[in-house]
Amino acid sequence: MFLFDINTEAAFHHRWLEHYTVIEPETVVAVEGDYNPDTKLARYDFAAFRRRQTAWHRTDFTIRERCYPLSTIKRELSRHDFKLLHQLDAEADLNLHGHTGRTFFVASRT
């Protein structure tokens, strides 16, 4: 079995253009998102701060993703000998509110 999810272009437009901060007593995270519809590339830059005893420690990291059409995902599954068993929309099929444009796949080797 092969289980995975992807963000469709709707997700990148809906969520990856966000800038937000999460503040907790021991952790602070600042996030800046970007999506370029021409190149189909998305990026989230994170600055995370964690308090350890009396000092705060900073960690920076970036998540990058490329947007692929659903037709490409299906074609590549088939090309690599996977049979698509289920395609599920996060909100409509799985009631995962706030996950616009996220799609889950269940596939198996043929």
PDB file of N, CA and C in Angstrom:
ATOM      1  N   MET A   1       0.845  -1.183   0.000  1.00  0.00           N
ATOM      2  CA  MET A   1       0.000   0.000   0.000  1.00  0.00           C
ATOM      3  C   MET A   1       0.889   1.244   0.000  1.00  0.00           C
ATOM      4  N   PHE A   2       0.393   2.263  -0.637  1.00  0.00           N
ATOM      5  CA  PHE A   2       1.086   3.548  -0.691  1.00  0.00           C
ATOM      6  C   PHE A   2       0.052   4.612  -0.340  1.00  0.00           C
ATOM      7  N   LEU A   3       0.236   5.266   0.796  1.00  0.00           N
ATOM      8  CA  LEU A   3      -0.670   6.301   1.270  1.00  0.00           C
ATOM      9  C   LEU A   3       0.080   7.625   1.292  1.00  0.00           C
ATOM     10  N   PHE A   4      -0.511   8.675   0.729  1.00  0.00           N
ATOM     11  CA  PHE A   4       0.144   9.986   0.744  1.00  0.00           C
ATOM     12  C   PHE A   4      -0.896  11.072   0.491  1.00  0.00           C
ATOM     13  N   ASP A   5      -0.486  12.306   0.745  1.00  0.00           N
ATOM     14  CA  ASP A   5      -1.356  13.437   0.450  1.00  0.00           C
ATOM     15  C   ASP A   5      -0.552  14.495  -0.284  1.00  0.00           C
ATOM     16  N   ILE A   6      -1.271  15.346  -1.000  1.00  0.00           N
ATOM     17  CA  ILE A   6      -0.652  16.459  -1.707  1.00  0.00           C
ATOM     18  C   ILE A   6      -1.470  17.720  -1.464  1.00  0.00           C
ATOM     19  N   ASN A   7      -0.836  18.839  -1.679  1.00  0.00           N
ATOM     20  CA  ASN A   7      -1.534  20.119  -1.735  1.00  0.00           C
ATOM     21  C   ASN A   7      -1.779  20.439  -3.198  1.00  0.00           C
ATOM     22  N   THR A   8      -3.024  20.701  -3.547  1.00  0.00           N
ATOM     23  CA  THR A   8      -3.336  21.130  -4.902  1.00  0.00           C
ATOM     24  C   THR A   8      -3.112  22.634  -4.993  1.00  0.00           C
ATOM     25  N   GLU A   9      -3.266  23.177  -6.175  1.00  0.00           N
ATOM     26  CA  GLU A   9      -3.060  24.622  -6.340  1.00  0.00           C
ATOM     27  C   GLU A   9      -4.012  25.425  -5.462  1.00  0.00           C
ATOM     28  N   ALA A  10      -5.210  24.914  -5.239  1.00  0.00           N
ATOM     29  CA  ALA A  10      -6.156  25.616  -4.343  1.00  0.00           C
ATOM     30  C   ALA A  10      -5.570  25.760  -2.940  1.00  0.00           C
ATOM     31  N   ALA A  11      -4.874  24.741  -2.460  1.00  0.00           N
ATOM     32  CA  ALA A  11      -4.248  24.806  -1.134  1.00  0.00           C
ATOM     33  C   ALA A  11      -3.147  25.853  -1.106  1.00  0.00           C
ATOM     34  N   PHE A  12      -2.336  25.878  -2.145  1.00  0.00           N
ATOM     35  CA  PHE A  12      -1.244  26.849  -2.168  1.00  0.00           C
ATOM     36  C   PHE A  12      -1.785  28.279  -2.187  1.00  0.00           C
ATOM     37  N   HIS A  13      -2.840  28.512  -2.941  1.00  0.00           N
ATOM     38  CA  HIS A  13      -3.450  29.853  -2.963  1.00  0.00           C
ATOM     39  C   HIS A  13      -4.134  30.176  -1.640  1.00  0.00           C
ATOM     40  N   HIS A  14      -4.723  29.179  -1.022  1.00  0.00           N
ATOM     41  CA  HIS A  14      -5.515  29.395   0.191  1.00  0.00           C
ATOM     42  C   HIS A  14      -4.659  29.516   1.456  1.00  0.00           C
ATOM     43  N   ARG A  15      -3.640  28.670   1.587  1.00  0.00           N
ATOM     44  CA  ARG A  15      -2.896  28.616   2.853  1.00  0.00           C
ATOM     45  C   ARG A  15      -1.432  29.021   2.764  1.00  0.00           C
ATOM     46  N   TRP A  16      -0.789  28.862   1.617  1.00  0.00           N
ATOM     47  CA  TRP A  16       0.655  29.074   1.568  1.00  0.00           C
ATOM     48  C   TRP A  16       1.049  30.534   1.380  1.00  0.00           C
ATOM     49  N   LEU A  17       0.100  31.415   1.286  1.00  0.00           N
ATOM     50  CA  LEU A  17       0.405  32.845   1.195  1.00  0.00           C
ATOM     51  C   LEU A  17       0.285  33.511   2.560  1.00  0.00           C
ATOM     52  N   GLU A  18       0.108  32.718   3.599  1.00  0.00           N
ATOM     53  CA  GLU A  18      -0.102  33.231   4.949  1.00  0.00           C
ATOM     54  C   GLU A  18       1.206  33.650   5.610  1.00  0.00           C
ATOM     55  N   HIS A  19       1.057  34.575   6.537  1.00  0.00           N
ATOM     56  CA  HIS A  19       2.119  34.960   7.464  1.00  0.00           C
ATOM     57  C   HIS A  19       1.459  34.910   8.828  1.00  0.00           C
ATOM     58  N   TYR A  20       2.026  34.162   9.742  1.00  0.00           N
ATOM     59  CA  TYR A  20       1.412  34.085  11.068  1.00  0.00           C
ATOM     60  C   TYR A  20       2.441  33.741  12.122  1.00  0.00           C
ATOM     61  N   THR A  21       2.027  33.923  13.363  1.00  0.00           N
ATOM     62  CA  THR A  21       2.887  33.643  14.514  1.00  0.00           C
ATOM     63  C   THR A  21       2.107  32.811  15.513  1.00  0.00           C
ATOM     64  N   VAL A  22       2.759  31.817  16.098  1.00  0.00           N
ATOM     65  CA  VAL A  22       2.195  31.011  17.175  1.00  0.00           C
ATOM     66  C   VAL A  22       3.024  31.298  18.418  1.00  0.00           C
ATOM     67  N   ILE A  23       2.339  31.695  19.485  1.00  0.00           N
ATOM     68  CA  ILE A  23       3.033  32.016  20.725  1.00  0.00           C
ATOM     69  C   ILE A  23       2.509  31.131  21.839  1.00  0.00           C
ATOM     70  N   GLU A  24       3.397  30.336  22.392  1.00  0.00           N
ATOM     71  CA  GLU A  24       3.111  29.465  23.533  1.00  0.00           C
ATOM     72  C   GLU A  24       4.107  29.815  24.637  1.00  0.00           C
ATOM     73  N   PRO A  25       3.851  29.394  25.863  1.00  0.00           N
ATOM     74  CA  PRO A  25       4.770  29.760  26.960  1.00  0.00           C
ATOM     75  C   PRO A  25       6.229  29.362  26.735  1.00  0.00           C
ATOM     76  N   GLU A  26       6.477  28.209  26.101  1.00  0.00           N
ATOM     77  CA  GLU A  26       7.845  27.732  25.919  1.00  0.00           C
ATOM     78  C   GLU A  26       8.319  27.782  24.468  1.00  0.00           C
ATOM     79  N   THR A  27       7.423  28.183  23.552  1.00  0.00           N
ATOM     80  CA  THR A  27       7.732  28.149  22.129  1.00  0.00           C
ATOM     81  C   THR A  27       7.093  29.324  21.407  1.00  0.00           C
ATOM     82  N   VAL A  28       7.833  29.899  20.461  1.00  0.00           N
ATOM     83  CA  VAL A  28       7.302  30.926  19.564  1.00  0.00           C
ATOM     84  C   VAL A  28       7.722  30.542  18.148  1.00  0.00           C
ATOM     85  N   VAL A  29       6.758  30.558  17.215  1.00  0.00           N
ATOM     86  CA  VAL A  29       7.058  30.227  15.826  1.00  0.00           C
ATOM     87  C   VAL A  29       6.482  31.316  14.927  1.00  0.00           C
ATOM     88  N   ALA A  30       7.330  31.861  14.057  1.00  0.00           N
ATOM     89  CA  ALA A  30       6.897  32.831  13.051  1.00  0.00           C
ATOM     90  C   ALA A  30       7.007  32.164  11.689  1.00  0.00           C
ATOM     91  N   VAL A  31       5.945  32.294  10.875  1.00  0.00           N
ATOM     92  CA  VAL A  31       5.882  31.622   9.580  1.00  0.00           C
ATOM     93  C   VAL A  31       5.573  32.647   8.493  1.00  0.00           C
ATOM     94  N   GLU A  32       6.323  32.551   7.398  1.00  0.00           N
ATOM     95  CA  GLU A  32       6.064  33.394   6.238  1.00  0.00           C
ATOM     96  C   GLU A  32       5.960  32.482   5.020  1.00  0.00           C
ATOM     97  N   GLY A  33       4.813  32.528   4.341  1.00  0.00           N
ATOM     98  CA  GLY A  33       4.588  31.669   3.198  1.00  0.00           C
ATOM     99  C   GLY A  33       4.635  32.421   1.886  1.00  0.00           C
ATOM    100  N   ASP A  34       4.859  31.675   0.802  1.00  0.00           N
ATOM    101  CA  ASP A  34       4.884  32.261  -0.529  1.00  0.00           C
ATOM    102  C   ASP A  34       4.540  31.169  -1.543  1.00  0.00           C
ATOM    103  N   TYR A  35       3.818  31.557  -2.596  1.00  0.00           N
ATOM    104  CA  TYR A  35       3.529  30.631  -3.692  1.00  0.00           C
ATOM    105  C   TYR A  35       3.608  31.402  -4.991  1.00  0.00           C
ATOM    106  N   ASN A  36       4.349  30.855  -5.960  1.00  0.00           N
ATOM    107  CA  ASN A  36       4.472  31.462  -7.269  1.00  0.00           C
ATOM    108  C   ASN A  36       3.700  30.602  -8.265  1.00  0.00           C
ATOM    109  N   PRO A  37       2.540  31.082  -8.756  1.00  0.00           N
ATOM    110  CA  PRO A  37       1.730  30.265  -9.672  1.00  0.00           C
ATOM    111  C   PRO A  37       2.399  30.020 -11.023  1.00  0.00           C
ATOM    112  N   ASP A  38       3.356  30.852 -11.406  1.00  0.00           N
ATOM    113  CA  ASP A  38       4.044  30.656 -12.687  1.00  0.00           C
ATOM    114  C   ASP A  38       5.014  29.479 -12.625  1.00  0.00           C
ATOM    115  N   THR A  39       5.782  29.386 -11.545  1.00  0.00           N
ATOM    116  CA  THR A  39       6.751  28.299 -11.410  1.00  0.00           C
ATOM    117  C   THR A  39       6.174  27.095 -10.678  1.00  0.00           C
ATOM    118  N   LYS A  40       4.993  27.279 -10.049  1.00  0.00           N
ATOM    119  CA  LYS A  40       4.332  26.230  -9.247  1.00  0.00           C
ATOM    120  C   LYS A  40       5.145  25.851  -8.013  1.00  0.00           C
ATOM    121  N   LEU A  41       5.955  26.772  -7.513  1.00  0.00           N
ATOM    122  CA  LEU A  41       6.778  26.523  -6.336  1.00  0.00           C
ATOM    123  C   LEU A  41       6.229  27.273  -5.128  1.00  0.00           C
ATOM    124  N   ALA A  42       6.189  26.569  -3.994  1.00  0.00           N
ATOM    125  CA  ALA A  42       5.715  27.150  -2.734  1.00  0.00           C
ATOM    126  C   ALA A  42       6.833  27.047  -1.702  1.00  0.00           C
ATOM    127  N   ARG A  43       6.786  27.973  -0.739  1.00  0.00           N
ATOM    128  CA  ARG A  43       7.817  27.998   0.295  1.00  0.00           C
ATOM    129  C   ARG A  43       7.203  28.499   1.600  1.00  0.00           C
ATOM    130  N   TYR A  44       7.537  27.832   2.685  1.00  0.00           N
ATOM    131  CA  TYR A  44       7.236  28.296   4.038  1.00  0.00           C
ATOM    132  C   TYR A  44       8.568  28.494   4.750  1.00  0.00           C
ATOM    133  N   ASP A  45       8.833  29.704   5.229  1.00  0.00           N
ATOM    134  CA  ASP A  45      10.016  29.983   6.044  1.00  0.00           C
ATOM    135  C   ASP A  45       9.583  30.056   7.498  1.00  0.00           C
ATOM    136  N   PHE A  46      10.285  29.325   8.355  1.00  0.00           N
ATOM    137  CA  PHE A  46       9.968  29.263   9.780  1.00  0.00           C
ATOM    138  C   PHE A  46      11.133  29.819  10.598  1.00  0.00           C
ATOM    139  N   ALA A  47      10.805  30.556  11.636  1.00  0.00           N
ATOM    140  CA  ALA A  47      11.763  30.925  12.684  1.00  0.00           C
ATOM    141  C   ALA A  47      11.122  30.435  13.979  1.00  0.00           C
ATOM    142  N   ALA A  48      11.746  29.449  14.609  1.00  0.00           N
ATOM    143  CA  ALA A  48      11.191  28.846  15.821  1.00  0.00           C
ATOM    144  C   ALA A  48      12.104  29.148  17.006  1.00  0.00           C
ATOM    145  N   PHE A  49      11.478  29.539  18.091  1.00  0.00           N
ATOM    146  CA  PHE A  49      12.209  29.847  19.317  1.00  0.00           C
ATOM    147  C   PHE A  49      11.682  28.937  20.421  1.00  0.00           C
ATOM    148  N   ARG A  50      12.596  28.290  21.120  1.00  0.00           N
ATOM    149  CA  ARG A  50      12.208  27.406  22.219  1.00  0.00           C
ATOM    150  C   ARG A  50      12.988  27.813  23.469  1.00  0.00           C
ATOM    151  N   ARG A  51      12.240  27.971  24.559  1.00  0.00           N
ATOM    152  CA  ARG A  51      12.899  28.339  25.807  1.00  0.00           C
ATOM    153  C   ARG A  51      13.391  27.087  26.507  1.00  0.00           C
ATOM    154  N   ARG A  52      14.662  27.112  26.871  1.00  0.00           N
ATOM    155  CA  ARG A  52      15.267  26.042  27.657  1.00  0.00           C
ATOM    156  C   ARG A  52      15.853  26.693  28.905  1.00  0.00           C
ATOM    157  N   GLN A  53      15.182  26.443  29.998  1.00  0.00           N
ATOM    158  CA  GLN A  53      15.512  27.066  31.284  1.00  0.00           C
ATOM    159  C   GLN A  53      15.378  28.581  31.141  1.00  0.00           C
ATOM    160  N   THR A  54      16.441  29.345  31.156  1.00  0.00           N
ATOM    161  CA  THR A  54      16.328  30.803  31.114  1.00  0.00           C
ATOM    162  C   THR A  54      16.696  31.396  29.757  1.00  0.00           C
ATOM    163  N   ALA A  55      17.124  30.569  28.805  1.00  0.00           N
ATOM    164  CA  ALA A  55      17.569  31.069  27.501  1.00  0.00           C
ATOM    165  C   ALA A  55      16.633  30.605  26.385  1.00  0.00           C
ATOM    166  N   TRP A  56      16.491  31.441  25.355  1.00  0.00           N
ATOM    167  CA  TRP A  56      15.723  31.099  24.166  1.00  0.00           C
ATOM    168  C   TRP A  56      16.695  30.658  23.076  1.00  0.00           C
ATOM    169  N   HIS A  57      16.348  29.573  22.363  1.00  0.00           N
ATOM    170  CA  HIS A  57      17.182  29.052  21.283  1.00  0.00           C
ATOM    171  C   HIS A  57      16.386  29.139  19.981  1.00  0.00           C
ATOM    172  N   ARG A  58      17.032  29.646  18.944  1.00  0.00           N
ATOM    173  CA  ARG A  58      16.363  29.858  17.660  1.00  0.00           C
ATOM    174  C   ARG A  58      16.766  28.784  16.655  1.00  0.00           C
ATOM    175  N   THR A  59      15.777  28.325  15.880  1.00  0.00           N
ATOM    176  CA  THR A  59      16.003  27.407  14.770  1.00  0.00           C
ATOM    177  C   THR A  59      15.258  27.953  13.560  1.00  0.00           C
ATOM    178  N   ASP A  60      15.929  28.048  12.438  1.00  0.00           N
ATOM    179  CA  ASP A  60      15.312  28.494  11.185  1.00  0.00           C
ATOM    180  C   ASP A  60      15.286  27.323  10.207  1.00  0.00           C
ATOM    181  N   PHE A  61      14.170  27.198   9.488  1.00  0.00           N
ATOM    182  CA  PHE A  61      14.102  26.167   8.459  1.00  0.00           C
ATOM    183  C   PHE A  61      13.070  26.561   7.420  1.00  0.00           C
ATOM    184  N   THR A  62      13.157  25.920   6.263  1.00  0.00           N
ATOM    185  CA  THR A  62      12.275  26.200   5.135  1.00  0.00           C
ATOM    186  C   THR A  62      11.689  24.900   4.616  1.00  0.00           C
ATOM    187  N   ILE A  63      10.403  24.940   4.279  1.00  0.00           N
ATOM    188  CA  ILE A  63       9.736  23.828   3.605  1.00  0.00           C
ATOM    189  C   ILE A  63       9.409  24.310   2.197  1.00  0.00           C
ATOM    190  N   ARG A  64       9.825  23.518   1.213  1.00  0.00           N
ATOM    191  CA  ARG A  64       9.534  23.858  -0.183  1.00  0.00           C
ATOM    192  C   ARG A  64       8.698  22.735  -0.795  1.00  0.00           C
ATOM    193  N   GLU A  65       7.734  23.127  -1.608  1.00  0.00           N
ATOM    194  CA  GLU A  65       6.905  22.147  -2.323  1.00  0.00           C
ATOM    195  C   GLU A  65       6.650  22.640  -3.738  1.00  0.00           C
ATOM    196  N   ARG A  66       6.447  21.685  -4.619  1.00  0.00           N
ATOM    197  CA  ARG A  66       6.054  21.982  -5.994  1.00  0.00           C
ATOM    198  C   ARG A  66       4.623  21.498  -6.185  1.00  0.00           C
ATOM    199  N   CYS A  67       3.853  22.257  -6.903  1.00  0.00           N
ATOM    200  CA  CYS A  67       2.456  21.914  -7.174  1.00  0.00           C
ATOM    201  C   CYS A  67       2.372  21.086  -8.458  1.00  0.00           C
ATOM    202  N   TYR A  68       1.700  19.950  -8.360  1.00  0.00           N
ATOM    203  CA  TYR A  68       1.470  19.091  -9.525  1.00  0.00           C
ATOM    204  C   TYR A  68      -0.035  18.924  -9.712  1.00  0.00           C
ATOM    205  N   PRO A  69      -0.507  18.945 -10.940  1.00  0.00           N
ATOM    206  CA  PRO A  69      -1.930  18.696 -11.183  1.00  0.00           C
ATOM    207  C   PRO A  69      -2.294  17.252 -10.807  1.00  0.00           C
ATOM    208  N   LEU A  70      -3.538  17.045 -10.431  1.00  0.00           N
ATOM    209  CA  LEU A  70      -3.997  15.700 -10.072  1.00  0.00           C
ATOM    210  C   LEU A  70      -3.792  14.713 -11.219  1.00  0.00           C
ATOM    211  N   SER A  71      -3.944  15.190 -12.449  1.00  0.00           N
ATOM    212  CA  SER A  71      -3.754  14.300 -13.602  1.00  0.00           C
ATOM    213  C   SER A  71      -2.313  13.783 -13.666  1.00  0.00           C
ATOM    214  N   THR A  72      -1.351  14.602 -13.295  1.00  0.00           N
ATOM    215  CA  THR A  72       0.048  14.186 -13.283  1.00  0.00           C
ATOM    216  C   THR A  72       0.298  13.146 -12.195  1.00  0.00           C
ATOM    217  N   ILE A  73      -0.282  13.359 -11.027  1.00  0.00           N
ATOM    218  CA  ILE A  73      -0.130  12.398  -9.929  1.00  0.00           C
ATOM    219  C   ILE A  73      -0.670  11.038 -10.354  1.00  0.00           C
ATOM    220  N   LYS A  74      -1.863  11.026 -10.927  1.00  0.00           N
ATOM    221  CA  LYS A  74      -2.483   9.768 -11.356  1.00  0.00           C
ATOM    222  C   LYS A  74      -1.660   9.087 -12.446  1.00  0.00           C
ATOM    223  N   ARG A  75      -1.172   9.868 -13.403  1.00  0.00           N
ATOM    224  CA  ARG A  75      -0.362   9.308 -14.493  1.00  0.00           C
ATOM    225  C   ARG A  75       0.923   8.688 -13.943  1.00  0.00           C
ATOM    226  N   GLU A  76       1.583   9.371 -13.004  1.00  0.00           N
ATOM    227  CA  GLU A  76       2.835   8.866 -12.442  1.00  0.00           C
ATOM    228  C   GLU A  76       2.618   7.626 -11.587  1.00  0.00           C
ATOM    229  N   LEU A  77       1.512   7.566 -10.871  1.00  0.00           N
ATOM    230  CA  LEU A  77       1.199   6.346 -10.129  1.00  0.00           C
ATOM    231  C   LEU A  77       1.103   5.161 -11.080  1.00  0.00           C
ATOM    232  N   SER A  78       0.357   5.334 -12.145  1.00  0.00           N
ATOM    233  CA  SER A  78       0.178   4.267 -13.124  1.00  0.00           C
ATOM    234  C   SER A  78       1.511   3.899 -13.792  1.00  0.00           C
ATOM    235  N   ARG A  79       2.292   4.898 -14.131  1.00  0.00           N
ATOM    236  CA  ARG A  79       3.582   4.677 -14.798  1.00  0.00           C
ATOM    237  C   ARG A  79       4.538   3.878 -13.920  1.00  0.00           C
ATOM    238  N   HIS A  80       4.378   3.973 -12.607  1.00  0.00           N
ATOM    239  CA  HIS A  80       5.250   3.252 -11.677  1.00  0.00           C
ATOM    240  C   HIS A  80       4.551   2.041 -11.052  1.00  0.00           C
ATOM    241  N   ASP A  81       3.576   1.512 -11.797  1.00  0.00           N
ATOM    242  CA  ASP A  81       2.894   0.266 -11.437  1.00  0.00           C
ATOM    243  C   ASP A  81       2.085   0.334 -10.145  1.00  0.00           C
ATOM    244  N   PHE A  82       1.477   1.487  -9.892  1.00  0.00           N
ATOM    245  CA  PHE A  82       0.547   1.611  -8.776  1.00  0.00           C
ATOM    246  C   PHE A  82      -0.867   1.750  -9.314  1.00  0.00           C
ATOM    247  N   LYS A  83      -1.788   1.101  -8.640  1.00  0.00           N
ATOM    248  CA  LYS A  83      -3.208   1.226  -8.964  1.00  0.00           C
ATOM    249  C   LYS A  83      -3.829   2.159  -7.931  1.00  0.00           C
ATOM    250  N   LEU A  84      -4.487   3.218  -8.396  1.00  0.00           N
ATOM    251  CA  LEU A  84      -5.141   4.158  -7.502  1.00  0.00           C
ATOM    252  C   LEU A  84      -6.422   3.522  -6.971  1.00  0.00           C
ATOM    253  N   LEU A  85      -6.492   3.346  -5.652  1.00  0.00           N
ATOM    254  CA  LEU A  85      -7.666   2.741  -5.023  1.00  0.00           C
ATOM    255  C   LEU A  85      -8.659   3.796  -4.550  1.00  0.00           C
ATOM    256  N   HIS A  86      -8.138   4.876  -3.960  1.00  0.00           N
ATOM    257  CA  HIS A  86      -9.002   5.938  -3.453  1.00  0.00           C
ATOM    258  C   HIS A  86      -8.316   7.285  -3.610  1.00  0.00           C
ATOM    259  N   GLN A  87      -9.119   8.289  -3.920  1.00  0.00           N
ATOM    260  CA  GLN A  87      -8.681   9.681  -3.923  1.00  0.00           C
ATOM    261  C   GLN A  87      -9.689  10.432  -3.062  1.00  0.00           C
ATOM    262  N   LEU A  88      -9.221  11.049  -1.982  1.00  0.00           N
ATOM    263  CA  LEU A  88     -10.120  11.651  -1.004  1.00  0.00           C
ATOM    264  C   LEU A  88      -9.795  13.126  -0.796  1.00  0.00           C
ATOM    265  N   ASP A  89     -10.806  13.958  -0.889  1.00  0.00           N
ATOM    266  CA  ASP A  89     -10.656  15.372  -0.590  1.00  0.00           C
ATOM    267  C   ASP A  89     -10.696  15.553   0.928  1.00  0.00           C
ATOM    268  N   ALA A  90      -9.732  16.288   1.473  1.00  0.00           N
ATOM    269  CA  ALA A  90      -9.609  16.432   2.933  1.00  0.00           C
ATOM    270  C   ALA A  90     -10.878  16.992   3.565  1.00  0.00           C
ATOM    271  N   GLU A  91     -11.460  18.011   2.966  1.00  0.00           N
ATOM    272  CA  GLU A  91     -12.644  18.626   3.576  1.00  0.00           C
ATOM    273  C   GLU A  91     -13.926  17.869   3.229  1.00  0.00           C
ATOM    274  N   ALA A  92     -14.149  17.626   1.951  1.00  0.00           N
ATOM    275  CA  ALA A  92     -15.414  17.026   1.521  1.00  0.00           C
ATOM    276  C   ALA A  92     -15.561  15.563   1.954  1.00  0.00           C
ATOM    277  N   ASP A  93     -14.472  14.805   1.866  1.00  0.00           N
ATOM    278  CA  ASP A  93     -14.558  13.373   2.163  1.00  0.00           C
ATOM    279  C   ASP A  93     -14.136  12.998   3.581  1.00  0.00           C
ATOM    280  N   LEU A  94     -13.215  13.772   4.160  1.00  0.00           N
ATOM    281  CA  LEU A  94     -12.651  13.400   5.458  1.00  0.00           C
ATOM    282  C   LEU A  94     -13.003  14.381   6.587  1.00  0.00           C
ATOM    283  N   ASN A  95     -13.780  15.399   6.275  1.00  0.00           N
ATOM    284  CA  ASN A  95     -14.188  16.403   7.273  1.00  0.00           C
ATOM    285  C   ASN A  95     -13.010  17.052   7.985  1.00  0.00           C
ATOM    286  N   LEU A  96     -11.897  17.237   7.285  1.00  0.00           N
ATOM    287  CA  LEU A  96     -10.741  17.940   7.847  1.00  0.00           C
ATOM    288  C   LEU A  96     -10.887  19.428   7.511  1.00  0.00           C
ATOM    289  N   HIS A  97     -11.622  20.121   8.334  1.00  0.00           N
ATOM    290  CA  HIS A  97     -11.901  21.538   8.094  1.00  0.00           C
ATOM    291  C   HIS A  97     -10.615  22.349   8.144  1.00  0.00           C
ATOM    292  N   GLY A  98     -10.514  23.317   7.247  1.00  0.00           N
ATOM    293  CA  GLY A  98      -9.321  24.143   7.179  1.00  0.00           C
ATOM    294  C   GLY A  98      -8.228  23.557   6.301  1.00  0.00           C
ATOM    295  N   HIS A  99      -8.534  22.503   5.555  1.00  0.00           N
ATOM    296  CA  HIS A  99      -7.550  21.859   4.692  1.00  0.00           C
ATOM    297  C   HIS A  99      -7.968  21.955   3.223  1.00  0.00           C
ATOM    298  N   THR A 100      -8.431  23.118   2.826  1.00  0.00           N
ATOM    299  CA  THR A 100      -8.841  23.353   1.445  1.00  0.00           C
ATOM    300  C   THR A 100      -7.717  22.966   0.491  1.00  0.00           C
ATOM    301  N   GLY A 101      -8.048  22.184  -0.524  1.00  0.00           N
ATOM    302  CA  GLY A 101      -7.083  21.835  -1.558  1.00  0.00           C
ATOM    303  C   GLY A 101      -6.140  20.698  -1.211  1.00  0.00           C
ATOM    304  N   ARG A 102      -6.363  20.033  -0.113  1.00  0.00           N
ATOM    305  CA  ARG A 102      -5.508  18.897   0.270  1.00  0.00           C
ATOM    306  C   ARG A 102      -6.209  17.612  -0.169  1.00  0.00           C
ATOM    307  N   THR A 103      -5.468  16.747  -0.853  1.00  0.00           N
ATOM    308  CA  THR A 103      -6.028  15.505  -1.392  1.00  0.00           C
ATOM    309  C   THR A 103      -5.190  14.328  -0.910  1.00  0.00           C
ATOM    310  N   PHE A 104      -5.882  13.279  -0.454  1.00  0.00           N
ATOM    311  CA  PHE A 104      -5.228  12.048   0.013  1.00  0.00           C
ATOM    312  C   PHE A 104      -5.396  10.954  -1.038  1.00  0.00           C
ATOM    313  N   PHE A 105      -4.378  10.130  -1.175  1.00  0.00           N
ATOM    314  CA  PHE A 105      -4.394   9.027  -2.128  1.00  0.00           C
ATOM    315  C   PHE A 105      -4.077   7.719  -1.419  1.00  0.00           C
ATOM    316  N   VAL A 106      -4.749   6.662  -1.858  1.00  0.00           N
ATOM    317  CA  VAL A 106      -4.451   5.298  -1.423  1.00  0.00           C
ATOM    318  C   VAL A 106      -4.209   4.511  -2.701  1.00  0.00           C
ATOM    319  N   ALA A 107      -3.032   3.919  -2.790  1.00  0.00           N
ATOM    320  CA  ALA A 107      -2.687   3.158  -3.999  1.00  0.00           C
ATOM    321  C   ALA A 107      -2.011   1.849  -3.585  1.00  0.00           C
ATOM    322  N   SER A 108      -1.964   0.909  -4.511  1.00  0.00           N
ATOM    323  CA  SER A 108      -1.261  -0.357  -4.256  1.00  0.00           C
ATOM    324  C   SER A 108      -0.523  -0.760  -5.514  1.00  0.00           C
ATOM    325  N   ARG A 109       0.461  -1.609  -5.325  1.00  0.00           N
ATOM    326  CA  ARG A 109       1.194  -2.119  -6.485  1.00  0.00           C
ATOM    327  C   ARG A 109       0.294  -3.032  -7.289  1.00  0.00           C
ATOM    328  N   THR A 110       0.389  -2.929  -8.595  1.00  0.00           N
ATOM    329  CA  THR A 110      -0.454  -3.755  -9.465  1.00  0.00           C
ATOM    330  C   THR A 110       0.192  -5.108  -9.686  1.00  0.00           C
TER     331      THR A 110
END
